[in-house]
Structure formats: structure tokens, C-alpha cells
């Protein structure tokens, strides 16, 4: 390598606009989309490291996709113009969660525990071929109301005593039929606990 190239590289490294280092995440602040990172090279702790390189004045609704690193994840940290206060995460080894934020308040969050939270007016799963997911509370109420009416009819039938208008004929009431009543449905009988709306 020529001396001129070596000198140019040294100059770029010495006065360059960007420095990159490795670090370990100590804490994550999802409200501010920042984290605390300890650099591997010298154990220096950087506070308020931006989780996303492009920040829209702290407005998380305009951040697009945010990958929140997990605590103890290894990260590549960069700073602009060698200013540590402008440090950002470029990459990380472990992700705690992923968020998608849009200007119209759509929020999609995928957590490391397998939960998915989605704030949307319309959700289509499996091409929508099975139509909508039932609203469990109104459906439970409608079915329970029908069951109560059926149980009232069963009770009226099994406890009715028919009295003829005249004559010596005595008609015995029908015998109680055990187990004829319909059990009342509960929300847990028809609700899928893994999908909530």
C-alpha cells in the first residue's frame, strides 16, 4: 500500500464523521426509544443511545419499524461527528420486541414472549375465508338468553299439573326428568384465550 493511501486512511480515521464500536445493552427505555450501552473496548457507559438512527423529533408515531434490543444484547453503536450524545444503535444480536408505528396510529408490537398486539380497524387472517371472529360477550349473552328460555319451558313442562274441568279422572303431573335442563354457557366455553379483540 502506498504511503499516500496510508496517510489518507489515517486522516479519515482521525477526522472522520463517524465512529463505530461494540457494546452491551444495560437498559432499554421504550417510552423514549433509547437505551444505555456499555462499550466493550473501554467499559464506558453511554446513556440515551438512540435505538433508531433516524429520529423524528422524538415522535414515536413517525418512527416506522423499531427493533428494541434485549438487555445484555451485543450491539454495534455509532456516533455522528464523534459526538457521543448522538450515539445510535446500528445492529443488535437479540431483540426484545419489534414495533411498527405509523402516522395514523397503527401499532403492531411483537414481544419476545410470543404475544402480538395490533391496533387496527380491520384484521384479515387466513384470507378472511371464515368471515369474522364472533364478539364473545354479545354471543354469550344471546346463547345464555336462549338457554334460559329453554330451561323455563322445561321447568314449566315438568312441573305443570293439569286439572280437568270436571269429573273423577285424576291426571298425575309428569315425572321430573333429571338432567333435562340445559347448562348455561360461559364466555370461556367459546372464547379463544389466545386471540382477543
C-alpha atoms as a PDB file:
ATOM      1  CA  UNK A   1       0.000   0.000   0.000  1.00  0.00           C
ATOM      2  CA  UNK A   2       1.401   3.386  -0.916  1.00  0.00           C
ATOM      3  CA  UNK A   3       2.264   5.944   1.722  1.00  0.00           C
ATOM      4  CA  UNK A   4      -0.264   8.360   0.233  1.00  0.00           C
ATOM      5  CA  UNK A   5      -3.120   5.869   0.739  1.00  0.00           C
ATOM      6  CA  UNK A   6      -1.958   5.136   4.287  1.00  0.00           C
ATOM      7  CA  UNK A   7      -1.879   8.844   5.080  1.00  0.00           C
ATOM      8  CA  UNK A   8      -5.327   9.340   3.579  1.00  0.00           C
ATOM      9  CA  UNK A   9      -6.756   6.451   5.631  1.00  0.00           C
ATOM     10  CA  UNK A  10      -5.182   7.809   8.825  1.00  0.00           C
ATOM     11  CA  UNK A  11      -6.669  11.218   8.084  1.00  0.00           C
ATOM     12  CA  UNK A  12     -10.126   9.735   7.506  1.00  0.00           C
ATOM     13  CA  UNK A  13      -9.958   7.710  10.712  1.00  0.00           C
ATOM     14  CA  UNK A  14      -8.670  10.671  12.720  1.00  0.00           C
ATOM     15  CA  UNK A  15     -11.151  13.263  11.471  1.00  0.00           C
ATOM     16  CA  UNK A  16     -13.948  11.052  10.213  1.00  0.00           C
ATOM     17  CA  UNK A  17     -17.552  11.904  10.841  1.00  0.00           C
ATOM     18  CA  UNK A  18     -18.486   8.519  12.255  1.00  0.00           C
ATOM     19  CA  UNK A  19     -17.047   6.075  14.776  1.00  0.00           C
ATOM     20  CA  UNK A  20     -18.369   2.561  15.349  1.00  0.00           C
ATOM     21  CA  UNK A  21     -17.893   0.369  18.406  1.00  0.00           C
ATOM     22  CA  UNK A  22     -19.306  -2.731  20.063  1.00  0.00           C
ATOM     23  CA  UNK A  23     -21.274  -2.611  23.289  1.00  0.00           C
ATOM     24  CA  UNK A  24     -23.663  -4.427  25.604  1.00  0.00           C
ATOM     25  CA  UNK A  25     -27.178  -3.134  26.347  1.00  0.00           C
ATOM     26  CA  UNK A  26     -27.664  -2.389  30.054  1.00  0.00           C
ATOM     27  CA  UNK A  27     -31.203  -0.923  29.962  1.00  0.00           C
ATOM     28  CA  UNK A  28     -33.919  -0.018  27.446  1.00  0.00           C
ATOM     29  CA  UNK A  29     -36.375   2.903  27.623  1.00  0.00           C
ATOM     30  CA  UNK A  30     -39.238   2.144  25.223  1.00  0.00           C
ATOM     31  CA  UNK A  31     -41.034   5.411  26.001  1.00  0.00           C
ATOM     32  CA  UNK A  32     -38.094   7.385  24.606  1.00  0.00           C
ATOM     33  CA  UNK A  33     -36.744   4.735  22.198  1.00  0.00           C
ATOM     34  CA  UNK A  34     -33.317   4.914  23.826  1.00  0.00           C
ATOM     35  CA  UNK A  35     -31.048   2.565  25.703  1.00  0.00           C
ATOM     36  CA  UNK A  36     -27.982   2.501  27.908  1.00  0.00           C
ATOM     37  CA  UNK A  37     -24.932   0.772  26.433  1.00  0.00           C
ATOM     38  CA  UNK A  38     -21.593  -0.207  27.937  1.00  0.00           C
ATOM     39  CA  UNK A  39     -18.808  -0.177  25.351  1.00  0.00           C
ATOM     40  CA  UNK A  40     -16.730  -3.354  25.135  1.00  0.00           C
ATOM     41  CA  UNK A  41     -13.453  -1.586  24.319  1.00  0.00           C
ATOM     42  CA  UNK A  42     -13.206   0.605  27.429  1.00  0.00           C
ATOM     43  CA  UNK A  43     -16.299  -0.221  29.597  1.00  0.00           C
ATOM     44  CA  UNK A  44     -17.567   3.345  29.129  1.00  0.00           C
ATOM     45  CA  UNK A  45     -21.331   3.659  29.651  1.00  0.00           C
ATOM     46  CA  UNK A  46     -23.311   5.656  27.084  1.00  0.00           C
ATOM     47  CA  UNK A  47     -26.737   6.923  28.142  1.00  0.00           C
ATOM     48  CA  UNK A  48     -29.650   7.833  25.874  1.00  0.00           C
ATOM     49  CA  UNK A  49     -28.342   5.884  22.887  1.00  0.00           C
ATOM     50  CA  UNK A  50     -30.983   6.159  20.179  1.00  0.00           C
ATOM     51  CA  UNK A  51     -32.447   2.808  19.181  1.00  0.00           C
ATOM     52  CA  UNK A  52     -33.160   4.009  15.658  1.00  0.00           C
ATOM     53  CA  UNK A  53     -30.674   6.080  13.640  1.00  0.00           C
ATOM     54  CA  UNK A  54     -33.337   8.368  12.161  1.00  0.00           C
ATOM     55  CA  UNK A  55     -35.436  10.088  14.820  1.00  0.00           C
ATOM     56  CA  UNK A  56     -38.399  12.365  14.089  1.00  0.00           C
ATOM     57  CA  UNK A  57     -38.064  14.822  16.966  1.00  0.00           C
ATOM     58  CA  UNK A  58     -38.892  12.093  19.484  1.00  0.00           C
ATOM     59  CA  UNK A  59     -42.299  11.401  17.900  1.00  0.00           C
ATOM     60  CA  UNK A  60     -42.529   7.597  18.035  1.00  0.00           C
ATOM     61  CA  UNK A  61     -45.623   7.641  15.797  1.00  0.00           C
ATOM     62  CA  UNK A  62     -43.345   8.542  12.895  1.00  0.00           C
ATOM     63  CA  UNK A  63     -40.579   6.075  13.644  1.00  0.00           C
ATOM     64  CA  UNK A  64     -41.676   3.269  11.309  1.00  0.00           C
ATOM     65  CA  UNK A  65     -40.220  -0.053  12.464  1.00  0.00           C
ATOM     66  CA  UNK A  66     -38.375  -0.027  15.785  1.00  0.00           C
ATOM     67  CA  UNK A  67     -36.310  -3.016  16.904  1.00  0.00           C
ATOM     68  CA  UNK A  68     -35.925  -2.820  20.671  1.00  0.00           C
ATOM     69  CA  UNK A  69     -32.752  -4.649  21.736  1.00  0.00           C
ATOM     70  CA  UNK A  70     -32.862  -7.019  24.681  1.00  0.00           C
ATOM     71  CA  UNK A  71     -30.923  -6.266  27.846  1.00  0.00           C
ATOM     72  CA  UNK A  72     -27.473  -7.941  27.635  1.00  0.00           C
ATOM     73  CA  UNK A  73     -27.621  -7.985  23.823  1.00  0.00           C
ATOM     74  CA  UNK A  74     -24.450  -7.106  21.949  1.00  0.00           C
ATOM     75  CA  UNK A  75     -24.880  -4.058  19.730  1.00  0.00           C
ATOM     76  CA  UNK A  76     -22.964  -2.013  17.192  1.00  0.00           C
ATOM     77  CA  UNK A  77     -23.024   1.615  18.289  1.00  0.00           C
ATOM     78  CA  UNK A  78     -22.194   4.561  16.090  1.00  0.00           C
ATOM     79  CA  UNK A  79     -21.980   8.266  16.731  1.00  0.00           C
ATOM     80  CA  UNK A  80     -22.177  11.124  14.286  1.00  0.00           C
ATOM     81  CA  UNK A  81     -19.359  13.691  14.184  1.00  0.00           C
ATOM     82  CA  UNK A  82     -17.662  11.861  17.043  1.00  0.00           C
ATOM     83  CA  UNK A  83     -20.328  13.258  19.431  1.00  0.00           C
ATOM     84  CA  UNK A  84     -21.248  10.600  21.984  1.00  0.00           C
ATOM     85  CA  UNK A  85     -24.542  12.336  22.706  1.00  0.00           C
ATOM     86  CA  UNK A  86     -25.575  11.432  19.137  1.00  0.00           C
ATOM     87  CA  UNK A  87     -24.923   7.699  19.576  1.00  0.00           C
ATOM     88  CA  UNK A  88     -27.264   5.276  17.799  1.00  0.00           C
ATOM     89  CA  UNK A  89     -27.710   1.504  17.598  1.00  0.00           C
ATOM     90  CA  UNK A  90     -26.854   0.113  14.162  1.00  0.00           C
ATOM     91  CA  UNK A  91     -27.415  -3.580  14.865  1.00  0.00           C
ATOM     92  CA  UNK A  92     -28.077  -5.946  17.763  1.00  0.00           C
ATOM     93  CA  UNK A  93     -27.805  -9.660  18.490  1.00  0.00           C
ATOM     94  CA  UNK A  94     -31.041 -10.116  20.483  1.00  0.00           C
ATOM     95  CA  UNK A  95     -34.364  -8.343  20.027  1.00  0.00           C
ATOM     96  CA  UNK A  96     -36.755  -7.806  22.935  1.00  0.00           C
ATOM     97  CA  UNK A  97     -39.638  -6.658  20.737  1.00  0.00           C
ATOM     98  CA  UNK A  98     -40.497  -5.126  17.394  1.00  0.00           C
ATOM     99  CA  UNK A  99     -42.883  -2.214  16.956  1.00  0.00           C
ATOM    100  CA  UNK A 100     -44.391  -0.773  13.825  1.00  0.00           C
ATOM    101  CA  UNK A 101     -45.730   2.756  14.260  1.00  0.00           C
ATOM    102  CA  UNK A 102     -47.454   4.732  11.517  1.00  0.00           C
ATOM    103  CA  UNK A 103     -48.712   8.321  11.428  1.00  0.00           C
ATOM    104  CA  UNK A 104     -52.355   7.119  11.522  1.00  0.00           C
ATOM    105  CA  UNK A 105     -51.751   5.407  14.908  1.00  0.00           C
ATOM    106  CA  UNK A 106     -51.451   1.858  13.619  1.00  0.00           C
ATOM    107  CA  UNK A 107     -49.411  -0.057  16.149  1.00  0.00           C
ATOM    108  CA  UNK A 108     -48.068  -3.560  15.749  1.00  0.00           C
ATOM    109  CA  UNK A 109     -45.947  -4.961  18.564  1.00  0.00           C
ATOM    110  CA  UNK A 110     -44.356  -8.400  18.619  1.00  0.00           C
ATOM    111  CA  UNK A 111     -42.943  -9.274  22.046  1.00  0.00           C
ATOM    112  CA  UNK A 112     -40.257 -11.776  22.928  1.00  0.00           C
ATOM    113  CA  UNK A 113     -42.876 -13.796  24.853  1.00  0.00           C
ATOM    114  CA  UNK A 114     -44.748 -14.557  21.623  1.00  0.00           C
ATOM    115  CA  UNK A 115     -47.571 -12.056  22.101  1.00  0.00           C
ATOM    116  CA  UNK A 116     -48.699  -9.922  19.186  1.00  0.00           C
ATOM    117  CA  UNK A 117     -50.549  -6.681  19.833  1.00  0.00           C
ATOM    118  CA  UNK A 118     -52.231  -4.953  16.919  1.00  0.00           C
ATOM    119  CA  UNK A 119     -54.194  -1.731  16.952  1.00  0.00           C
ATOM    120  CA  UNK A 120     -56.125  -1.762  13.666  1.00  0.00           C
ATOM    121  CA  UNK A 121     -59.677  -1.246  12.454  1.00  0.00           C
ATOM    122  CA  UNK A 122     -59.590  -4.293  10.198  1.00  0.00           C
ATOM    123  CA  UNK A 123     -57.604  -7.526  10.548  1.00  0.00           C
ATOM    124  CA  UNK A 124     -57.656 -10.285   7.927  1.00  0.00           C
ATOM    125  CA  UNK A 125     -56.348 -13.741   8.843  1.00  0.00           C
ATOM    126  CA  UNK A 126     -56.184 -16.750   6.505  1.00  0.00           C
ATOM    127  CA  UNK A 127     -57.509 -14.672   3.573  1.00  0.00           C
ATOM    128  CA  UNK A 128     -60.716 -13.934   5.527  1.00  0.00           C
ATOM    129  CA  UNK A 129     -62.405 -17.102   4.251  1.00  0.00           C
ATOM    130  CA  UNK A 130     -64.030 -17.877   7.630  1.00  0.00           C
ATOM    131  CA  UNK A 131     -65.651 -14.439   7.948  1.00  0.00           C
ATOM    132  CA  UNK A 132     -65.344 -12.557  11.232  1.00  0.00           C
ATOM    133  CA  UNK A 133     -64.382 -13.761  14.684  1.00  0.00           C
ATOM    134  CA  UNK A 134     -67.522 -13.623  16.875  1.00  0.00           C
ATOM    135  CA  UNK A 135     -67.838 -10.929  19.505  1.00  0.00           C
ATOM    136  CA  UNK A 136     -67.813 -13.238  22.515  1.00  0.00           C
ATOM    137  CA  UNK A 137     -69.770 -11.139  25.055  1.00  0.00           C
ATOM    138  CA  UNK A 138     -72.859 -10.479  22.864  1.00  0.00           C
ATOM    139  CA  UNK A 139     -72.796 -14.059  21.538  1.00  0.00           C
ATOM    140  CA  UNK A 140     -72.545 -15.477  25.066  1.00  0.00           C
ATOM    141  CA  UNK A 141     -75.475 -13.298  26.177  1.00  0.00           C
ATOM    142  CA  UNK A 142     -77.644 -14.332  23.212  1.00  0.00           C
ATOM    143  CA  UNK A 143     -76.954 -18.042  23.760  1.00  0.00           C
ATOM    144  CA  UNK A 144     -77.470 -17.734  27.540  1.00  0.00           C
ATOM    145  CA  UNK A 145     -80.824 -15.955  26.969  1.00  0.00           C
ATOM    146  CA  UNK A 146     -81.964 -18.810  24.679  1.00  0.00           C
ATOM    147  CA  UNK A 147     -80.790 -21.391  27.218  1.00  0.00           C
ATOM    148  CA  UNK A 148     -82.727 -19.640  29.984  1.00  0.00           C
ATOM    149  CA  UNK A 149     -85.898 -19.663  27.865  1.00  0.00           C
ATOM    150  CA  UNK A 150     -85.452 -23.368  27.075  1.00  0.00           C
ATOM    151  CA  UNK A 151     -84.885 -24.097  30.793  1.00  0.00           C
ATOM    152  CA  UNK A 152     -88.057 -22.154  31.680  1.00  0.00           C
ATOM    153  CA  UNK A 153     -90.050 -24.211  29.167  1.00  0.00           C
ATOM    154  CA  UNK A 154     -88.586 -27.444  30.541  1.00  0.00           C
ATOM    155  CA  UNK A 155     -89.414 -26.392  34.107  1.00  0.00           C
ATOM    156  CA  UNK A 156     -92.952 -25.378  33.116  1.00  0.00           C
ATOM    157  CA  UNK A 157     -93.477 -28.692  31.328  1.00  0.00           C
ATOM    158  CA  UNK A 158     -92.127 -30.920  34.090  1.00  0.00           C
ATOM    159  CA  UNK A 159     -93.876 -29.129  36.962  1.00  0.00           C
ATOM    160  CA  UNK A 160     -97.273 -28.495  35.345  1.00  0.00           C
ATOM    161  CA  UNK A 161    -100.321 -30.105  36.926  1.00  0.00           C
ATOM    162  CA  UNK A 162    -103.247 -30.432  34.586  1.00  0.00           C
ATOM    163  CA  UNK A 163    -106.629 -30.131  36.259  1.00  0.00           C
ATOM    164  CA  UNK A 164    -109.595 -31.225  34.151  1.00  0.00           C
ATOM    165  CA  UNK A 165    -112.679 -29.019  34.353  1.00  0.00           C
ATOM    166  CA  UNK A 166    -114.882 -31.744  35.840  1.00  0.00           C
ATOM    167  CA  UNK A 167    -115.016 -35.439  36.534  1.00  0.00           C
ATOM    168  CA  UNK A 168    -113.372 -38.041  38.693  1.00  0.00           C
ATOM    169  CA  UNK A 169    -110.315 -38.543  36.449  1.00  0.00           C
ATOM    170  CA  UNK A 170    -107.071 -37.545  38.138  1.00  0.00           C
ATOM    171  CA  UNK A 171    -104.086 -36.875  35.905  1.00  0.00           C
ATOM    172  CA  UNK A 172    -100.723 -37.146  37.618  1.00  0.00           C
ATOM    173  CA  UNK A 173     -98.112 -34.491  36.766  1.00  0.00           C
ATOM    174  CA  UNK A 174     -95.312 -35.674  34.532  1.00  0.00           C
ATOM    175  CA  UNK A 175     -92.331 -37.093  36.336  1.00  0.00           C
ATOM    176  CA  UNK A 176     -89.287 -34.885  36.735  1.00  0.00           C
ATOM    177  CA  UNK A 177     -86.748 -35.720  34.085  1.00  0.00           C
ATOM    178  CA  UNK A 178     -83.256 -35.484  35.575  1.00  0.00           C
ATOM    179  CA  UNK A 179     -80.640 -33.629  33.586  1.00  0.00           C
ATOM    180  CA  UNK A 180     -83.139 -32.130  31.191  1.00  0.00           C
ATOM    181  CA  UNK A 181     -82.100 -28.539  31.871  1.00  0.00           C
ATOM    182  CA  UNK A 182     -79.511 -27.002  29.585  1.00  0.00           C
ATOM    183  CA  UNK A 183     -76.323 -25.777  31.283  1.00  0.00           C
ATOM    184  CA  UNK A 184     -75.696 -22.055  30.904  1.00  0.00           C
ATOM    185  CA  UNK A 185     -72.867 -21.223  28.560  1.00  0.00           C
ATOM    186  CA  UNK A 186     -69.888 -19.223  29.795  1.00  0.00           C
ATOM    187  CA  UNK A 187     -67.582 -16.951  27.776  1.00  0.00           C
ATOM    188  CA  UNK A 188     -64.708 -19.369  28.322  1.00  0.00           C
ATOM    189  CA  UNK A 189     -66.688 -22.098  26.543  1.00  0.00           C
ATOM    190  CA  UNK A 190     -66.493 -20.307  23.185  1.00  0.00           C
ATOM    191  CA  UNK A 191     -63.677 -17.769  23.571  1.00  0.00           C
ATOM    192  CA  UNK A 192     -60.202 -18.491  22.269  1.00  0.00           C
ATOM    193  CA  UNK A 193     -57.903 -17.235  25.070  1.00  0.00           C
ATOM    194  CA  UNK A 194     -55.055 -16.740  22.577  1.00  0.00           C
ATOM    195  CA  UNK A 195     -56.942 -14.322  20.314  1.00  0.00           C
ATOM    196  CA  UNK A 196     -58.539 -11.287  21.950  1.00  0.00           C
ATOM    197  CA  UNK A 197     -60.368  -8.424  20.330  1.00  0.00           C
END
